[in-house]
């Protein structure tokens, strides 16, 4: 299997796809150079999705990102992502 990325063609080493046709799906793939991606989702009064990807940066750092996207928004996690500083005040109420 090949995937077009910009002007380059990337060979996909292995991959799997699953779709029930009712909103539940999953997919995964890995390229020969170690890049990988996985995701799964389902309908539950809106789409709920989780997944992630892994690759090596040009600096040689392993980048591993995971995420959940649900009713409360998109929530990525990974050591390379910036973290907001703490609020200078205490939140209260709704």
N, C-alpha and C. Protein backbone atom coordinates (compact mmCIF):
# COMPACT_ATOMS: atom_id res chain seq x y z
N UNK A 1 0.85 -1.17 0.00
CA UNK A 1 0.00 0.00 0.00
C UNK A 1 0.90 1.23 0.00
N UNK A 2 0.51 2.27 -0.74
CA UNK A 2 1.24 3.54 -0.78
C UNK A 2 0.29 4.67 -0.42
N UNK A 3 0.83 5.68 0.19
CA UNK A 3 0.05 6.85 0.57
C UNK A 3 0.79 8.08 0.07
N UNK A 4 0.05 9.00 -0.56
CA UNK A 4 0.65 10.23 -1.05
C UNK A 4 0.68 11.24 0.09
N UNK A 5 1.86 11.77 0.39
CA UNK A 5 2.04 12.78 1.43
C UNK A 5 2.74 13.96 0.79
N UNK A 6 2.01 15.04 0.56
CA UNK A 6 2.59 16.17 -0.17
C UNK A 6 2.96 15.69 -1.57
N UNK A 7 4.21 15.84 -1.95
CA UNK A 7 4.66 15.40 -3.26
C UNK A 7 5.38 14.06 -3.18
N UNK A 8 5.50 13.49 -1.99
CA UNK A 8 6.23 12.24 -1.82
C UNK A 8 5.25 11.07 -1.69
N UNK A 9 5.68 9.91 -2.11
CA UNK A 9 4.91 8.69 -1.93
C UNK A 9 5.61 7.89 -0.83
N UNK A 10 4.84 7.51 0.19
CA UNK A 10 5.39 6.79 1.34
C UNK A 10 4.85 5.36 1.31
N UNK A 11 5.72 4.38 1.37
CA UNK A 11 5.29 2.99 1.43
C UNK A 11 4.85 2.67 2.85
N UNK A 12 3.68 2.07 3.00
CA UNK A 12 3.19 1.68 4.31
C UNK A 12 3.56 0.22 4.52
N UNK A 13 4.35 -0.03 5.57
CA UNK A 13 4.84 -1.37 5.84
C UNK A 13 3.73 -2.34 6.21
N UNK A 14 2.84 -1.91 7.10
CA UNK A 14 1.70 -2.74 7.48
C UNK A 14 0.59 -1.83 7.95
N UNK A 15 -0.62 -2.28 7.82
CA UNK A 15 -1.75 -1.47 8.25
C UNK A 15 -3.01 -2.30 8.36
N UNK A 16 -3.94 -1.82 9.16
CA UNK A 16 -5.23 -2.49 9.34
C UNK A 16 -6.31 -1.43 9.42
N UNK A 17 -7.49 -1.76 8.90
CA UNK A 17 -8.65 -0.87 8.97
C UNK A 17 -9.87 -1.69 9.37
N UNK A 18 -10.75 -1.07 10.14
CA UNK A 18 -11.97 -1.72 10.58
C UNK A 18 -13.05 -0.65 10.65
N UNK A 19 -14.21 -0.93 10.08
CA UNK A 19 -15.34 0.00 10.13
C UNK A 19 -16.62 -0.80 10.14
N UNK A 20 -17.46 -0.56 11.15
CA UNK A 20 -18.71 -1.31 11.25
C UNK A 20 -19.81 -0.73 10.38
N UNK A 21 -19.62 0.51 9.91
CA UNK A 21 -20.67 1.16 9.16
C UNK A 21 -21.69 1.85 10.05
N UNK A 22 -21.50 1.72 11.36
CA UNK A 22 -22.43 2.35 12.31
C UNK A 22 -21.71 3.35 13.21
N UNK A 23 -20.54 3.82 12.78
CA UNK A 23 -19.83 4.83 13.55
C UNK A 23 -18.65 4.33 14.33
N UNK A 24 -18.46 3.02 14.42
CA UNK A 24 -17.31 2.47 15.13
C UNK A 24 -16.25 2.12 14.10
N UNK A 25 -15.03 2.56 14.34
CA UNK A 25 -13.95 2.31 13.39
C UNK A 25 -12.63 2.24 14.13
N UNK A 26 -11.63 1.74 13.45
CA UNK A 26 -10.26 1.79 13.94
C UNK A 26 -9.33 1.61 12.75
N UNK A 27 -8.13 2.15 12.88
CA UNK A 27 -7.10 1.91 11.88
C UNK A 27 -5.75 2.03 12.54
N UNK A 28 -4.78 1.41 11.91
CA UNK A 28 -3.40 1.47 12.37
C UNK A 28 -2.49 1.25 11.18
N UNK A 29 -1.33 1.88 11.19
CA UNK A 29 -0.33 1.60 10.17
C UNK A 29 1.05 1.92 10.71
N UNK A 30 2.05 1.35 10.06
CA UNK A 30 3.44 1.62 10.39
C UNK A 30 4.24 1.63 9.10
N UNK A 31 5.14 2.60 8.98
CA UNK A 31 5.99 2.70 7.80
C UNK A 31 7.32 1.99 8.07
N UNK A 32 8.06 1.66 7.03
CA UNK A 32 9.34 0.98 7.21
C UNK A 32 10.34 1.78 8.06
N UNK A 33 10.22 3.11 8.10
CA UNK A 33 11.16 3.91 8.89
C UNK A 33 10.70 4.11 10.34
N UNK A 34 9.65 3.40 10.76
CA UNK A 34 9.24 3.42 12.16
C UNK A 34 8.12 4.39 12.52
N UNK A 35 7.66 5.18 11.56
CA UNK A 35 6.52 6.05 11.85
C UNK A 35 5.28 5.17 12.03
N UNK A 36 4.42 5.55 12.97
CA UNK A 36 3.20 4.78 13.15
C UNK A 36 2.05 5.69 13.55
N UNK A 37 0.85 5.20 13.32
CA UNK A 37 -0.36 5.96 13.63
C UNK A 37 -1.45 4.95 13.96
N UNK A 38 -2.26 5.27 14.97
CA UNK A 38 -3.40 4.43 15.31
C UNK A 38 -4.53 5.32 15.79
N UNK A 39 -5.75 4.88 15.55
CA UNK A 39 -6.92 5.65 15.97
C UNK A 39 -8.11 4.72 16.02
N UNK A 40 -9.01 4.98 16.97
CA UNK A 40 -10.27 4.26 17.04
C UNK A 40 -11.34 5.22 17.52
N UNK A 41 -12.55 4.98 17.12
CA UNK A 41 -13.62 5.87 17.51
C UNK A 41 -14.97 5.19 17.47
N UNK A 42 -15.93 5.84 18.11
CA UNK A 42 -17.28 5.32 18.15
C UNK A 42 -18.27 6.47 18.28
N UNK A 43 -19.50 6.23 17.90
CA UNK A 43 -20.56 7.21 18.08
C UNK A 43 -21.19 7.00 19.45
N UNK A 44 -21.31 8.08 20.22
CA UNK A 44 -21.96 8.02 21.53
C UNK A 44 -22.52 9.41 21.79
N UNK A 45 -23.65 9.72 21.16
CA UNK A 45 -24.20 11.08 21.18
C UNK A 45 -23.14 12.07 20.71
N UNK A 46 -22.44 11.72 19.66
CA UNK A 46 -21.31 12.48 19.12
C UNK A 46 -20.13 11.54 18.98
N UNK A 47 -19.15 11.95 18.24
CA UNK A 47 -17.98 11.09 18.01
C UNK A 47 -17.02 11.13 19.19
N UNK A 48 -16.56 9.98 19.61
CA UNK A 48 -15.53 9.86 20.64
C UNK A 48 -14.37 9.10 20.00
N UNK A 49 -13.20 9.72 20.00
CA UNK A 49 -12.05 9.19 19.30
C UNK A 49 -10.82 9.20 20.20
N UNK A 50 -9.98 8.20 20.05
CA UNK A 50 -8.70 8.19 20.74
C UNK A 50 -7.66 7.59 19.81
N UNK A 51 -6.41 7.97 20.02
CA UNK A 51 -5.36 7.44 19.16
C UNK A 51 -4.04 8.10 19.42
N UNK A 52 -3.19 8.04 18.42
CA UNK A 52 -1.88 8.65 18.56
C UNK A 52 -0.98 8.34 17.39
N UNK A 53 0.22 8.86 17.45
CA UNK A 53 1.22 8.64 16.42
C UNK A 53 2.60 8.71 17.02
N UNK A 54 3.55 8.14 16.32
CA UNK A 54 4.94 8.11 16.77
C UNK A 54 5.85 8.28 15.55
N UNK A 55 6.89 9.09 15.74
CA UNK A 55 7.89 9.28 14.69
C UNK A 55 9.17 9.78 15.34
N UNK A 56 10.23 9.82 14.57
CA UNK A 56 11.50 10.36 15.04
C UNK A 56 11.69 11.72 14.39
N UNK A 57 11.96 12.74 15.21
CA UNK A 57 12.14 14.10 14.70
C UNK A 57 13.44 14.21 13.93
N UNK A 58 13.62 15.27 13.15
CA UNK A 58 14.89 15.48 12.44
C UNK A 58 16.09 15.55 13.39
N UNK A 59 15.85 15.89 14.66
CA UNK A 59 16.93 15.95 15.65
C UNK A 59 17.21 14.59 16.28
N UNK A 60 16.46 13.56 15.87
CA UNK A 60 16.68 12.22 16.40
C UNK A 60 15.89 11.92 17.66
N UNK A 61 14.95 12.79 18.04
CA UNK A 61 14.14 12.61 19.24
C UNK A 61 12.89 11.81 18.89
N UNK A 62 12.59 10.79 19.68
CA UNK A 62 11.37 10.02 19.48
C UNK A 62 10.17 10.85 19.95
N UNK A 63 9.22 11.05 19.07
CA UNK A 63 8.02 11.84 19.37
C UNK A 63 6.85 10.88 19.47
N UNK A 64 6.16 10.91 20.60
CA UNK A 64 5.03 10.03 20.85
C UNK A 64 3.87 10.89 21.33
N UNK A 65 2.82 11.00 20.54
CA UNK A 65 1.66 11.82 20.86
C UNK A 65 0.44 10.91 20.98
N UNK A 66 -0.33 11.08 22.03
CA UNK A 66 -1.61 10.41 22.16
C UNK A 66 -2.70 11.46 22.32
N UNK A 67 -3.93 11.09 22.04
CA UNK A 67 -5.01 12.06 22.18
C UNK A 67 -6.33 11.36 22.46
N UNK A 68 -7.23 12.12 23.04
CA UNK A 68 -8.63 11.76 23.18
C UNK A 68 -9.42 12.95 22.67
N UNK A 69 -10.40 12.70 21.85
CA UNK A 69 -11.32 13.74 21.38
C UNK A 69 -12.71 13.27 21.72
N UNK A 70 -13.37 14.02 22.59
CA UNK A 70 -14.69 13.61 23.05
C UNK A 70 -15.59 14.82 23.25
N UNK A 71 -16.62 14.66 24.04
CA UNK A 71 -17.59 15.74 24.26
C UNK A 71 -16.96 16.97 24.89
N UNK A 72 -15.83 16.80 25.55
CA UNK A 72 -15.20 17.96 26.20
C UNK A 72 -14.06 18.55 25.38
N UNK A 73 -13.83 18.07 24.15
CA UNK A 73 -12.83 18.66 23.28
C UNK A 73 -11.72 17.70 22.88
N UNK A 74 -10.66 18.28 22.34
CA UNK A 74 -9.48 17.54 21.87
C UNK A 74 -8.39 17.66 22.93
N UNK A 75 -7.87 16.53 23.39
CA UNK A 75 -6.91 16.51 24.49
C UNK A 75 -5.65 15.74 24.08
N UNK A 76 -4.65 16.41 23.50
CA UNK A 76 -3.41 15.73 23.14
C UNK A 76 -2.46 15.64 24.33
N UNK A 77 -1.61 14.63 24.33
CA UNK A 77 -0.58 14.46 25.35
C UNK A 77 0.70 14.01 24.69
N UNK A 78 1.81 14.51 25.19
CA UNK A 78 3.11 14.11 24.68
C UNK A 78 4.19 14.97 25.31
N UNK A 79 5.36 14.39 25.51
CA UNK A 79 6.45 15.09 26.17
C UNK A 79 6.93 16.30 25.36
N UNK A 80 6.73 16.31 24.05
CA UNK A 80 7.20 17.42 23.22
C UNK A 80 6.21 18.57 23.14
N UNK A 81 5.00 18.39 23.67
CA UNK A 81 3.99 19.45 23.61
C UNK A 81 4.21 20.46 24.73
N UNK A 82 4.00 21.73 24.43
CA UNK A 82 4.16 22.75 25.47
C UNK A 82 3.06 22.63 26.52
N UNK A 83 3.38 23.05 27.73
CA UNK A 83 2.42 23.03 28.83
C UNK A 83 2.18 24.47 29.26
N UNK A 84 0.92 24.83 29.38
CA UNK A 84 0.59 26.20 29.79
C UNK A 84 1.05 26.44 31.22
N UNK A 85 1.49 27.66 31.53
CA UNK A 85 1.88 27.97 32.91
C UNK A 85 0.65 27.98 33.80
N UNK A 86 0.82 27.80 35.10
CA UNK A 86 -0.33 27.82 36.00
C UNK A 86 -0.98 29.21 36.02
N UNK A 87 -2.26 29.22 36.24
CA UNK A 87 -2.97 30.50 36.35
C UNK A 87 -2.48 31.27 37.57
N UNK A 88 -2.38 32.57 37.48
CA UNK A 88 -1.90 33.36 38.63
C UNK A 88 -3.00 33.60 39.68
N UNK A 89 -4.13 32.94 39.50
CA UNK A 89 -5.25 33.09 40.44
C UNK A 89 -5.99 31.77 40.56
N UNK A 90 -6.81 31.64 41.56
CA UNK A 90 -7.60 30.43 41.79
C UNK A 90 -8.96 30.59 41.12
N UNK A 91 -9.33 29.63 40.27
CA UNK A 91 -10.65 29.66 39.64
C UNK A 91 -11.71 29.24 40.64
N UNK A 92 -12.86 29.82 40.52
CA UNK A 92 -13.98 29.42 41.38
C UNK A 92 -15.25 29.42 40.55
N UNK A 93 -16.25 28.70 41.03
CA UNK A 93 -17.54 28.66 40.33
C UNK A 93 -17.49 27.82 39.09
N UNK A 94 -18.51 28.00 38.28
CA UNK A 94 -18.64 27.24 37.04
C UNK A 94 -17.99 28.00 35.97
